[in-house]
Amino acid sequence: MRRAALALLLVPLALGACVSATPEERRAADAAACRDYGFRPRTTAFAECLQRRDIERSADRRARLYGAGVGIGGYNGGLGVGWGYGRIY
């Protein structure tokens, strides 16, 4: 009985760790990083810094979804053949 109760407590905690940052949190982190790089808010350079960070995040997401770095014969996720985002090479 104790193990079941412990499992019921640990599962939501483990799933909560998988939650990503909200768009507002990502924007605040990006703005802080650009300020740390020396860019001043409300300047073209600051906006370009934010844009570069967003583009890099999108590229990283595409690489994860489409298996950059997975060798020939590798499987990069998805629910099965023809399902989800993954594919078999």
PDB file of N, CA and C in Angstrom:
ATOM      1  N   MET A   1       0.820  -1.194   0.000  1.00  0.00           N
ATOM      2  CA  MET A   1       0.000   0.000   0.000  1.00  0.00           C
ATOM      3  C   MET A   1       0.867   1.262   0.000  1.00  0.00           C
ATOM      4  N   ARG A   2       1.949   1.224   0.771  1.00  0.00           N
ATOM      5  CA  ARG A   2       2.836   2.379   0.829  1.00  0.00           C
ATOM      6  C   ARG A   2       3.523   2.618  -0.508  1.00  0.00           C
ATOM      7  N   ARG A   3       3.865   1.525  -1.193  1.00  0.00           N
ATOM      8  CA  ARG A   3       4.516   1.682  -2.495  1.00  0.00           C
ATOM      9  C   ARG A   3       3.579   2.343  -3.499  1.00  0.00           C
ATOM     10  N   ALA A   4       2.317   1.976  -3.455  1.00  0.00           N
ATOM     11  CA  ALA A   4       1.354   2.576  -4.376  1.00  0.00           C
ATOM     12  C   ALA A   4       1.202   4.071  -4.089  1.00  0.00           C
ATOM     13  N   ALA A   5       1.147   4.418  -2.812  1.00  0.00           N
ATOM     14  CA  ALA A   5       1.024   5.827  -2.442  1.00  0.00           C
ATOM     15  C   ALA A   5       2.269   6.602  -2.857  1.00  0.00           C
ATOM     16  N   LEU A   6       3.425   5.988  -2.675  1.00  0.00           N
ATOM     17  CA  LEU A   6       4.670   6.633  -3.077  1.00  0.00           C
ATOM     18  C   LEU A   6       4.713   6.829  -4.597  1.00  0.00           C
ATOM     19  N   ALA A   7       4.268   5.823  -5.325  1.00  0.00           N
ATOM     20  CA  ALA A   7       4.240   5.933  -6.784  1.00  0.00           C
ATOM     21  C   ALA A   7       3.289   7.035  -7.225  1.00  0.00           C
ATOM     22  N   LEU A   8       2.151   7.151  -6.557  1.00  0.00           N
ATOM     23  CA  LEU A   8       1.196   8.197  -6.909  1.00  0.00           C
ATOM     24  C   LEU A   8       1.761   9.585  -6.633  1.00  0.00           C
ATOM     25  N   LEU A   9       2.661   9.698  -5.683  1.00  0.00           N
ATOM     26  CA  LEU A   9       3.304  10.980  -5.414  1.00  0.00           C
ATOM     27  C   LEU A   9       4.434  11.281  -6.388  1.00  0.00           C
ATOM     28  N   LEU A  10       5.191  10.262  -6.758  1.00  0.00           N
ATOM     29  CA  LEU A  10       6.373  10.473  -7.586  1.00  0.00           C
ATOM     30  C   LEU A  10       6.046  10.684  -9.066  1.00  0.00           C
ATOM     31  N   VAL A  11       4.996  10.057  -9.558  1.00  0.00           N
ATOM     32  CA  VAL A  11       4.670  10.193 -10.979  1.00  0.00           C
ATOM     33  C   VAL A  11       4.361  11.646 -11.350  1.00  0.00           C
ATOM     34  N   PRO A  12       3.488  12.353 -10.628  1.00  0.00           N
ATOM     35  CA  PRO A  12       3.250  13.760 -10.997  1.00  0.00           C
ATOM     36  C   PRO A  12       4.501  14.631 -10.870  1.00  0.00           C
ATOM     37  N   LEU A  13       5.342  14.338  -9.894  1.00  0.00           N
ATOM     38  CA  LEU A  13       6.577  15.102  -9.749  1.00  0.00           C
ATOM     39  C   LEU A  13       7.502  14.876 -10.938  1.00  0.00           C
ATOM     40  N   ALA A  14       7.604  13.636 -11.383  1.00  0.00           N
ATOM     41  CA  ALA A  14       8.451  13.333 -12.533  1.00  0.00           C
ATOM     42  C   ALA A  14       7.907  13.983 -13.794  1.00  0.00           C
ATOM     43  N   LEU A  15       6.600  13.949 -13.973  1.00  0.00           N
ATOM     44  CA  LEU A  15       6.004  14.573 -15.156  1.00  0.00           C
ATOM     45  C   LEU A  15       6.126  16.091 -15.096  1.00  0.00           C
ATOM     46  N   GLY A  16       6.068  16.658 -13.919  1.00  0.00           N
ATOM     47  CA  GLY A  16       6.216  18.101 -13.773  1.00  0.00           C
ATOM     48  C   GLY A  16       7.591  18.587 -14.176  1.00  0.00           C
ATOM     49  N   ALA A  17       8.578  17.731 -14.057  1.00  0.00           N
ATOM     50  CA  ALA A  17       9.939  18.103 -14.448  1.00  0.00           C
ATOM     51  C   ALA A  17      10.070  18.230 -15.962  1.00  0.00           C
ATOM     52  N   CYS A  18       9.139  17.662 -16.713  1.00  0.00           N
ATOM     53  CA  CYS A  18       9.195  17.701 -18.170  1.00  0.00           C
ATOM     54  C   CYS A  18       8.574  18.967 -18.764  1.00  0.00           C
ATOM     55  N   VAL A  19       7.951  19.778 -17.941  1.00  0.00           N
ATOM     56  CA  VAL A  19       7.277  20.974 -18.443  1.00  0.00           C
ATOM     57  C   VAL A  19       8.310  21.993 -18.892  1.00  0.00           C
ATOM     58  N   SER A  20       8.106  22.538 -20.082  1.00  0.00           N
ATOM     59  CA  SER A  20       9.048  23.533 -20.584  1.00  0.00           C
ATOM     60  C   SER A  20       8.626  24.931 -20.124  1.00  0.00           C
ATOM     61  N   ALA A  21       9.483  25.867 -20.370  1.00  0.00           N
ATOM     62  CA  ALA A  21       9.228  27.253 -19.965  1.00  0.00           C
ATOM     63  C   ALA A  21       8.103  27.848 -20.808  1.00  0.00           C
ATOM     64  N   THR A  22       7.382  28.761 -20.223  1.00  0.00           N
ATOM     65  CA  THR A  22       6.326  29.462 -20.953  1.00  0.00           C
ATOM     66  C   THR A  22       6.976  30.447 -21.928  1.00  0.00           C
ATOM     67  N   PRO A  23       6.241  30.904 -22.927  1.00  0.00           N
ATOM     68  CA  PRO A  23       6.818  31.893 -23.850  1.00  0.00           C
ATOM     69  C   PRO A  23       7.321  33.149 -23.139  1.00  0.00           C
ATOM     70  N   GLU A  24       6.609  33.570 -22.101  1.00  0.00           N
ATOM     71  CA  GLU A  24       7.043  34.754 -21.356  1.00  0.00           C
ATOM     72  C   GLU A  24       8.366  34.500 -20.646  1.00  0.00           C
ATOM     73  N   GLU A  25       8.522  33.294 -20.087  1.00  0.00           N
ATOM     74  CA  GLU A  25       9.773  32.958 -19.402  1.00  0.00           C
ATOM     75  C   GLU A  25      10.937  32.874 -20.392  1.00  0.00           C
ATOM     76  N   ARG A  26      10.674  32.286 -21.570  1.00  0.00           N
ATOM     77  CA  ARG A  26      11.725  32.218 -22.598  1.00  0.00           C
ATOM     78  C   ARG A  26      12.117  33.615 -23.060  1.00  0.00           C
ATOM     79  N   ARG A  27      11.133  34.479 -23.247  1.00  0.00           N
ATOM     80  CA  ARG A  27      11.407  35.862 -23.690  1.00  0.00           C
ATOM     81  C   ARG A  27      12.235  36.603 -22.657  1.00  0.00           C
ATOM     82  N   ALA A  28      11.880  36.435 -21.375  1.00  0.00           N
ATOM     83  CA  ALA A  28      12.634  37.095 -20.305  1.00  0.00           C
ATOM     84  C   ALA A  28      14.071  36.566 -20.249  1.00  0.00           C
ATOM     85  N   ALA A  29      14.238  35.260 -20.418  1.00  0.00           N
ATOM     86  CA  ALA A  29      15.584  34.681 -20.401  1.00  0.00           C
ATOM     87  C   ALA A  29      16.395  35.158 -21.603  1.00  0.00           C
ATOM     88  N   ASP A  30      15.749  35.217 -22.774  1.00  0.00           N
ATOM     89  CA  ASP A  30      16.440  35.713 -23.965  1.00  0.00           C
ATOM     90  C   ASP A  30      16.837  37.172 -23.799  1.00  0.00           C
ATOM     91  N   ALA A  31      15.932  37.997 -23.266  1.00  0.00           N
ATOM     92  CA  ALA A  31      16.234  39.419 -23.063  1.00  0.00           C
ATOM     93  C   ALA A  31      17.387  39.578 -22.077  1.00  0.00           C
ATOM     94  N   ALA A  32      17.388  38.769 -21.017  1.00  0.00           N
ATOM     95  CA  ALA A  32      18.474  38.840 -20.035  1.00  0.00           C
ATOM     96  C   ALA A  32      19.805  38.450 -20.674  1.00  0.00           C
ATOM     97  N   ALA A  33      19.782  37.412 -21.511  1.00  0.00           N
ATOM     98  CA  ALA A  33      21.020  36.987 -22.167  1.00  0.00           C
ATOM     99  C   ALA A  33      21.524  38.068 -23.117  1.00  0.00           C
ATOM    100  N   CYS A  34      20.621  38.678 -23.879  1.00  0.00           N
ATOM    101  CA  CYS A  34      21.042  39.734 -24.814  1.00  0.00           C
ATOM    102  C   CYS A  34      21.587  40.945 -24.064  1.00  0.00           C
ATOM    103  N   ARG A  35      20.979  41.269 -22.919  1.00  0.00           N
ATOM    104  CA  ARG A  35      21.521  42.367 -22.098  1.00  0.00           C
ATOM    105  C   ARG A  35      22.909  41.998 -21.579  1.00  0.00           C
ATOM    106  N   ASP A  36      23.081  40.717 -21.180  1.00  0.00           N
ATOM    107  CA  ASP A  36      24.389  40.262 -20.710  1.00  0.00           C
ATOM    108  C   ASP A  36      25.449  40.340 -21.807  1.00  0.00           C
ATOM    109  N   TYR A  37      25.017  40.165 -23.054  1.00  0.00           N
ATOM    110  CA  TYR A  37      25.943  40.289 -24.179  1.00  0.00           C
ATOM    111  C   TYR A  37      26.319  41.740 -24.432  1.00  0.00           C
ATOM    112  N   GLY A  38      25.606  42.665 -23.819  1.00  0.00           N
ATOM    113  CA  GLY A  38      25.929  44.076 -23.969  1.00  0.00           C
ATOM    114  C   GLY A  38      24.976  44.852 -24.863  1.00  0.00           C
ATOM    115  N   PHE A  39      23.934  44.217 -25.350  1.00  0.00           N
ATOM    116  CA  PHE A  39      22.966  44.920 -26.192  1.00  0.00           C
ATOM    117  C   PHE A  39      21.998  45.700 -25.319  1.00  0.00           C
ATOM    118  N   ARG A  40      21.619  46.863 -25.770  1.00  0.00           N
ATOM    119  CA  ARG A  40      20.679  47.706 -25.029  1.00  0.00           C
ATOM    120  C   ARG A  40      19.264  47.474 -25.544  1.00  0.00           C
ATOM    121  N   PRO A  41      18.294  47.340 -24.610  1.00  0.00           N
ATOM    122  CA  PRO A  41      16.900  47.162 -25.030  1.00  0.00           C
ATOM    123  C   PRO A  41      16.432  48.305 -25.935  1.00  0.00           C
ATOM    124  N   ARG A  42      15.477  47.989 -26.772  1.00  0.00           N
ATOM    125  CA  ARG A  42      14.865  48.934 -27.712  1.00  0.00           C
ATOM    126  C   ARG A  42      15.857  49.457 -28.750  1.00  0.00           C
ATOM    127  N   THR A  43      16.833  48.608 -29.111  1.00  0.00           N
ATOM    128  CA  THR A  43      17.728  48.949 -30.214  1.00  0.00           C
ATOM    129  C   THR A  43      17.618  47.844 -31.267  1.00  0.00           C
ATOM    130  N   THR A  44      18.061  48.157 -32.458  1.00  0.00           N
ATOM    131  CA  THR A  44      18.022  47.168 -33.537  1.00  0.00           C
ATOM    132  C   THR A  44      18.890  45.962 -33.201  1.00  0.00           C
ATOM    133  N   ALA A  45      20.046  46.201 -32.627  1.00  0.00           N
ATOM    134  CA  ALA A  45      20.950  45.103 -32.275  1.00  0.00           C
ATOM    135  C   ALA A  45      20.322  44.171 -31.237  1.00  0.00           C
ATOM    136  N   PHE A  46      19.601  44.750 -30.282  1.00  0.00           N
ATOM    137  CA  PHE A  46      18.928  43.951 -29.252  1.00  0.00           C
ATOM    138  C   PHE A  46      17.851  43.082 -29.912  1.00  0.00           C
ATOM    139  N   ALA A  47      17.072  43.670 -30.821  1.00  0.00           N
ATOM    140  CA  ALA A  47      16.026  42.913 -31.521  1.00  0.00           C
ATOM    141  C   ALA A  47      16.636  41.792 -32.354  1.00  0.00           C
ATOM    142  N   GLU A  48      17.769  42.065 -32.997  1.00  0.00           N
ATOM    143  CA  GLU A  48      18.435  41.036 -33.788  1.00  0.00           C
ATOM    144  C   GLU A  48      18.957  39.911 -32.901  1.00  0.00           C
ATOM    145  N   CYS A  49      19.444  40.250 -31.719  1.00  0.00           N
ATOM    146  CA  CYS A  49      19.903  39.239 -30.761  1.00  0.00           C
ATOM    147  C   CYS A  49      18.739  38.325 -30.376  1.00  0.00           C
ATOM    148  N   LEU A  50      17.591  38.922 -30.054  1.00  0.00           N
ATOM    149  CA  LEU A  50      16.412  38.129 -29.706  1.00  0.00           C
ATOM    150  C   LEU A  50      16.002  37.236 -30.871  1.00  0.00           C
ATOM    151  N   GLN A  51      16.058  37.780 -32.070  1.00  0.00           N
ATOM    152  CA  GLN A  51      15.679  37.011 -33.248  1.00  0.00           C
ATOM    153  C   GLN A  51      16.631  35.833 -33.464  1.00  0.00           C
ATOM    154  N   ARG A  52      17.930  36.061 -33.315  1.00  0.00           N
ATOM    155  CA  ARG A  52      18.907  34.978 -33.476  1.00  0.00           C
ATOM    156  C   ARG A  52      18.661  33.868 -32.462  1.00  0.00           C
ATOM    157  N   ARG A  53      18.368  34.245 -31.227  1.00  0.00           N
ATOM    158  CA  ARG A  53      18.108  33.230 -30.197  1.00  0.00           C
ATOM    159  C   ARG A  53      16.870  32.411 -30.541  1.00  0.00           C
ATOM    160  N   ASP A  54      15.842  33.061 -31.076  1.00  0.00           N
ATOM    161  CA  ASP A  54      14.626  32.347 -31.463  1.00  0.00           C
ATOM    162  C   ASP A  54      14.896  31.409 -32.642  1.00  0.00           C
ATOM    163  N   ILE A  55      15.666  31.881 -33.606  1.00  0.00           N
ATOM    164  CA  ILE A  55      16.011  31.049 -34.763  1.00  0.00           C
ATOM    165  C   ILE A  55      16.826  29.834 -34.328  1.00  0.00           C
ATOM    166  N   GLU A  56      17.772  30.031 -33.406  1.00  0.00           N
ATOM    167  CA  GLU A  56      18.571  28.914 -32.906  1.00  0.00           C
ATOM    168  C   GLU A  56      17.698  27.904 -32.166  1.00  0.00           C
ATOM    169  N   ARG A  57      16.733  28.385 -31.389  1.00  0.00           N
ATOM    170  CA  ARG A  57      15.826  27.492 -30.672  1.00  0.00           C
ATOM    171  C   ARG A  57      14.999  26.677 -31.670  1.00  0.00           C
ATOM    172  N   SER A  58      14.536  27.321 -32.731  1.00  0.00           N
ATOM    173  CA  SER A  58      13.761  26.609 -33.757  1.00  0.00           C
ATOM    174  C   SER A  58      14.621  25.562 -34.454  1.00  0.00           C
ATOM    175  N   ALA A  59      15.860  25.890 -34.740  1.00  0.00           N
ATOM    176  CA  ALA A  59      16.764  24.935 -35.385  1.00  0.00           C
ATOM    177  C   ALA A  59      17.029  23.743 -34.473  1.00  0.00           C
ATOM    178  N   ASP A  60      17.213  23.999 -33.186  1.00  0.00           N
ATOM    179  CA  ASP A  60      17.417  22.905 -32.232  1.00  0.00           C
ATOM    180  C   ASP A  60      16.189  22.001 -32.176  1.00  0.00           C
ATOM    181  N   ARG A  61      15.005  22.610 -32.182  1.00  0.00           N
ATOM    182  CA  ARG A  61      13.760  21.831 -32.131  1.00  0.00           C
ATOM    183  C   ARG A  61      13.627  20.966 -33.389  1.00  0.00           C
ATOM    184  N   ARG A  62      13.933  21.546 -34.563  1.00  0.00           N
ATOM    185  CA  ARG A  62      13.872  20.766 -35.804  1.00  0.00           C
ATOM    186  C   ARG A  62      14.879  19.621 -35.777  1.00  0.00           C
ATOM    187  N   ALA A  63      16.064  19.873 -35.250  1.00  0.00           N
ATOM    188  CA  ALA A  63      17.082  18.825 -35.186  1.00  0.00           C
ATOM    189  C   ALA A  63      16.610  17.669 -34.304  1.00  0.00           C
ATOM    190  N   ARG A  64      15.958  17.990 -33.193  1.00  0.00           N
ATOM    191  CA  ARG A  64      15.444  16.926 -32.326  1.00  0.00           C
ATOM    192  C   ARG A  64      14.319  16.161 -33.007  1.00  0.00           C
ATOM    193  N   LEU A  65      13.427  16.872 -33.674  1.00  0.00           N
ATOM    194  CA  LEU A  65      12.274  16.219 -34.302  1.00  0.00           C
ATOM    195  C   LEU A  65      12.660  15.361 -35.485  1.00  0.00           C
ATOM    196  N   TYR A  66      13.614  15.813 -36.269  1.00  0.00           N
ATOM    197  CA  TYR A  66      13.937  15.118 -37.499  1.00  0.00           C
ATOM    198  C   TYR A  66      15.242  14.352 -37.445  1.00  0.00           C
ATOM    199  N   GLY A  67      15.796  14.189 -36.260  1.00  0.00           N
ATOM    200  CA  GLY A  67      16.876  13.240 -36.071  1.00  0.00           C
ATOM    201  C   GLY A  67      18.247  13.650 -36.525  1.00  0.00           C
ATOM    202  N   ALA A  68      18.615  14.906 -36.406  1.00  0.00           N
ATOM    203  CA  ALA A  68      19.983  15.287 -36.731  1.00  0.00           C
ATOM    204  C   ALA A  68      20.920  14.526 -35.812  1.00  0.00           C
ATOM    205  N   GLY A  69      21.915  13.917 -36.387  1.00  0.00           N
ATOM    206  CA  GLY A  69      22.883  13.182 -35.596  1.00  0.00           C
ATOM    207  C   GLY A  69      22.539  11.720 -35.414  1.00  0.00           C
ATOM    208  N   VAL A  70      21.372  11.288 -35.864  1.00  0.00           N
ATOM    209  CA  VAL A  70      21.018   9.876 -35.765  1.00  0.00           C
ATOM    210  C   VAL A  70      21.598   9.185 -36.981  1.00  0.00           C
ATOM    211  N   GLY A  71      22.332   8.131 -36.747  1.00  0.00           N
ATOM    212  CA  GLY A  71      22.992   7.443 -37.837  1.00  0.00           C
ATOM    213  C   GLY A  71      22.037   6.680 -38.735  1.00  0.00           C
ATOM    214  N   ILE A  72      22.559   6.161 -39.808  1.00  0.00           N
ATOM    215  CA  ILE A  72      21.752   5.369 -40.734  1.00  0.00           C
ATOM    216  C   ILE A  72      21.245   4.148 -39.991  1.00  0.00           C
ATOM    217  N   GLY A  73      19.985   3.873 -40.175  1.00  0.00           N
ATOM    218  CA  GLY A  73      19.380   2.751 -39.472  1.00  0.00           C
ATOM    219  C   GLY A  73      18.871   3.137 -38.099  1.00  0.00           C
ATOM    220  N   GLY A  74      19.038   4.391 -37.719  1.00  0.00           N
ATOM    221  CA  GLY A  74      18.593   4.831 -36.400  1.00  0.00           C
ATOM    222  C   GLY A  74      17.135   5.219 -36.403  1.00  0.00           C
ATOM    223  N   TYR A  75      16.554   5.196 -35.256  1.00  0.00           N
ATOM    224  CA  TYR A  75      15.164   5.604 -35.103  1.00  0.00           C
ATOM    225  C   TYR A  75      15.144   6.822 -34.211  1.00  0.00           C
ATOM    226  N   ASN A  76      14.455   7.860 -34.627  1.00  0.00           N
ATOM    227  CA  ASN A  76      14.534   9.106 -33.880  1.00  0.00           C
ATOM    228  C   ASN A  76      13.249   9.475 -33.161  1.00  0.00           C
ATOM    229  N   GLY A  77      12.435   8.532 -32.818  1.00  0.00           N
ATOM    230  CA  GLY A  77      11.234   8.854 -32.047  1.00  0.00           C
ATOM    231  C   GLY A  77       9.974   8.610 -32.826  1.00  0.00           C
ATOM    232  N   GLY A  78       8.893   9.181 -32.365  1.00  0.00           N
ATOM    233  CA  GLY A  78       7.606   8.957 -33.007  1.00  0.00           C
ATOM    234  C   GLY A  78       6.904   7.766 -32.379  1.00  0.00           C
ATOM    235  N   LEU A  79       5.726   7.474 -32.866  1.00  0.00           N
ATOM    236  CA  LEU A  79       4.920   6.399 -32.300  1.00  0.00           C
ATOM    237  C   LEU A  79       5.092   5.090 -33.035  1.00  0.00           C
ATOM    238  N   GLY A  80       5.648   5.110 -34.191  1.00  0.00           N
ATOM    239  CA  GLY A  80       5.836   3.905 -34.982  1.00  0.00           C
ATOM    240  C   GLY A  80       6.012   4.297 -36.432  1.00  0.00           C
ATOM    241  N   VAL A  81       6.120   3.312 -37.278  1.00  0.00           N
ATOM    242  CA  VAL A  81       6.325   3.579 -38.692  1.00  0.00           C
ATOM    243  C   VAL A  81       5.126   4.342 -39.232  1.00  0.00           C
ATOM    244  N   GLY A  82       5.380   5.529 -39.768  1.00  0.00           N
ATOM    245  CA  GLY A  82       4.318   6.335 -40.344  1.00  0.00           C
ATOM    246  C   GLY A  82       3.511   7.132 -39.343  1.00  0.00           C
ATOM    247  N   TRP A  83       3.892   7.121 -38.096  1.00  0.00           N
ATOM    248  CA  TRP A  83       3.147   7.827 -37.055  1.00  0.00           C
ATOM    249  C   TRP A  83       4.017   8.917 -36.453  1.00  0.00           C
ATOM    250  N   GLY A  84       3.409   9.965 -36.021  1.00  0.00           N
ATOM    251  CA  GLY A  84       4.113  11.002 -35.265  1.00  0.00           C
ATOM    252  C   GLY A  84       5.175  11.705 -36.083  1.00  0.00           C
ATOM    253  N   TYR A  85       6.151  12.261 -35.385  1.00  0.00           N
ATOM    254  CA  TYR A  85       7.206  13.034 -36.029  1.00  0.00           C
ATOM    255  C   TYR A  85       8.402  12.184 -36.415  1.00  0.00           C
ATOM    256  N   GLY A  86       8.496  11.002 -35.826  1.00  0.00           N
ATOM    257  CA  GLY A  86       9.675  10.177 -36.055  1.00  0.00           C
ATOM    258  C   GLY A  86       9.633   9.476 -37.401  1.00  0.00           C
ATOM    259  N   ARG A  87      10.762   8.946 -37.775  1.00  0.00           N
ATOM    260  CA  ARG A  87      10.812   8.158 -38.997  1.00  0.00           C
ATOM    261  C   ARG A  87      11.966   7.179 -38.870  1.00  0.00           C
ATOM    262  N   ILE A  88      11.910   6.127 -39.635  1.00  0.00           N
ATOM    263  CA  ILE A  88      12.979   5.144 -39.663  1.00  0.00           C
ATOM    264  C   ILE A  88      13.768   5.369 -40.931  1.00  0.00           C
ATOM    265  N   TYR A  89      15.072   5.377 -40.816  1.00  0.00           N
ATOM    266  CA  TYR A  89      15.934   5.616 -41.973  1.00  0.00           C
ATOM    267  C   TYR A  89      16.152   4.328 -42.732  1.00  0.00           C
TER     268      TYR A  89
END
